[in-house]
């Protein structure tokens, strides 16, 4: 039966150490408990574990469980020497170790029940009272009231009577140290709970400050949005005015284009009429020159005719004077010759009149038509000049309006660019403020998430440690009482061995982080000696 207890103790210690190491490595935001590091000088008080000259009661281990125990020790040494490398393995094996631990605890309790059934002299001790866990809405532990570790008076008297034969001052030290450690642990847990409450209050204060900081920013955003709405309304009005001005400018441009087109057409017509007038003037000058030539020819012909008539008259006179004396025949011949000459001259004049009269008539008609067209062209020119004056005035007015509108459009464009730059600056400033607020909000969210994670980890650690502590204190105190009752009455074990056993039991009941290596060394040494 003793070998069974030793086996159970060793397996549970190994599983406890592995679970504790896995739990410490799996929680990155684990809070460090502010406990006094009271290192136990195990070698000075109780002698070195490596000394072999003293008498030890060997802890026998069956051969079938040696391989399992060696594997546990190797895992403990690997976790102690290289905690970083076993991080991923401990994270993956956490649930498996917890299940194994539960199975080992059930096995230990079953074996203890078998032992109690075989030795009905003792009764189980009620060590811990029920704990009150008040959980808030988020699942965090608000307050944890630990039950005071107490031993009933009857059990204490029984223990005093049983241990009176071999009592010594060293026997009270483990119990006092255990109660002191429990008290310190309770104080540390209370301080951790207070720190968690302070962190929650600080988180609420930060959230309130964040809300207070967001309120003026929201008001500023609202005012800026209202200003942007007003500016957008003004911008729409300016755009409408610009559109109306563009329509007016297009209308004026169209009117100017039509006026310029009409003026160009009138100018072309005027130039054509001027060319026609010039051509008519040239034709008139040619006709005048032709008429002058014809008049000169007529005058020459008339002068020649007169000269011929005078000569003929002279000849007639001479002939008359001479013919008076001559016969009347000569007179008749002269008259006939004059008549013939006169007829000849009249026929030439008629031929000339018939030849030049239609030309003169056509020239006169053409002259009259040209005079009429010239008068009409002059009248049209006067009318166009009269119409060109108001058109020029209107063109000047439209040019002035165009220059004014262009200047106004230029000013509006400049003002619009300035407004757009101001809007962009305000929008950039608002975006920068929004980015800063988002970064601050992310930082606060990360802080709150870290606090929540810290709180969850602390709650899990408290719950885990509490469950483990309750189970082990219930199991190991009964085991300690039963083993101590039999261990003191054996004559093979010395007093130093008893003290070391009590120290080991207290370490197993309340293991510290700095004592895990000593427990592992003791178990390994006991296994080696056995």
Foldseek 3Di string as FASTA:
>chain_A
DLLVVLVLLLVLLLLVLLLVLLLVLQAPLADDFPFDPDDDPCCVPQHDLPDDPDFFDFNDYDPVCPVVSVVSLVVNVCCVVCVPVCSVVSVVCNVVSVVVSVVSLVVLVVVVVVVCVVPVPDDFWDFWDDWDFDADPVRFTQDIDGGQGDTDPVVVVVLCVLCVVPDDVLVCVLVVVLNVVVVSVVVSLVVVSVVLVVLVVVLVVVVVVLVVVVVVLVVVVVVLVVVVVVVVVVVVVVVVVLVVVVVVLVVVVVVLVVVVVVVVVVVVVLVVLVVVLVVLVVVVVVVVVVVVVVVVVVVVVVVVVVVVVVVLVVVVVVCVVVCVPPDCVVVVVSVVVVVVVVVVVVVVVVVVCVVCVVVVVVNVVSNVVSVVSVVVSVVVVVVVVVVVVVVVVVVVVSVVVVVVSVVVVVVVVVVVVVVVVVSVVVVVVSVVVVVVSVVVVVVSVVSVVSSVSNSVSSRVVVVVVVVVLSSCVSSLVVVCSVCVSVVVPDPSRDPSNVSVVSVLSSCSNPPDPVCSVVNSVSSVSSNVVD
